[in-house]
């Protein structure tokens, strides 16, 4: 598997005896199902890299001054300490 933006590998290769023809992820993002010219379908357990998502959340919080709060099911302003921790 590769990073869609950089093309860098993000995990061990998911190998078939011949070329892979298709790959999909399940709804949880923790399994990939691949099919290959070897006539096999394989199910792989994968560990999603959530670093990019966490970096995006921090960037949005830093730029907007808002944080999602599940207790109120909405956005709220960052506290002074929260804001300072993002700098």
Foldseek 3Di string as FASTA:
>chain_A
DADPPPRHDDDDDPDDPAAWDDWDAPPVRQWIWTHHPVGDIDIDGDDDDCPVVVVVQLVCCQVPQWDQDVVVRGIDGDDPVRNVVSD
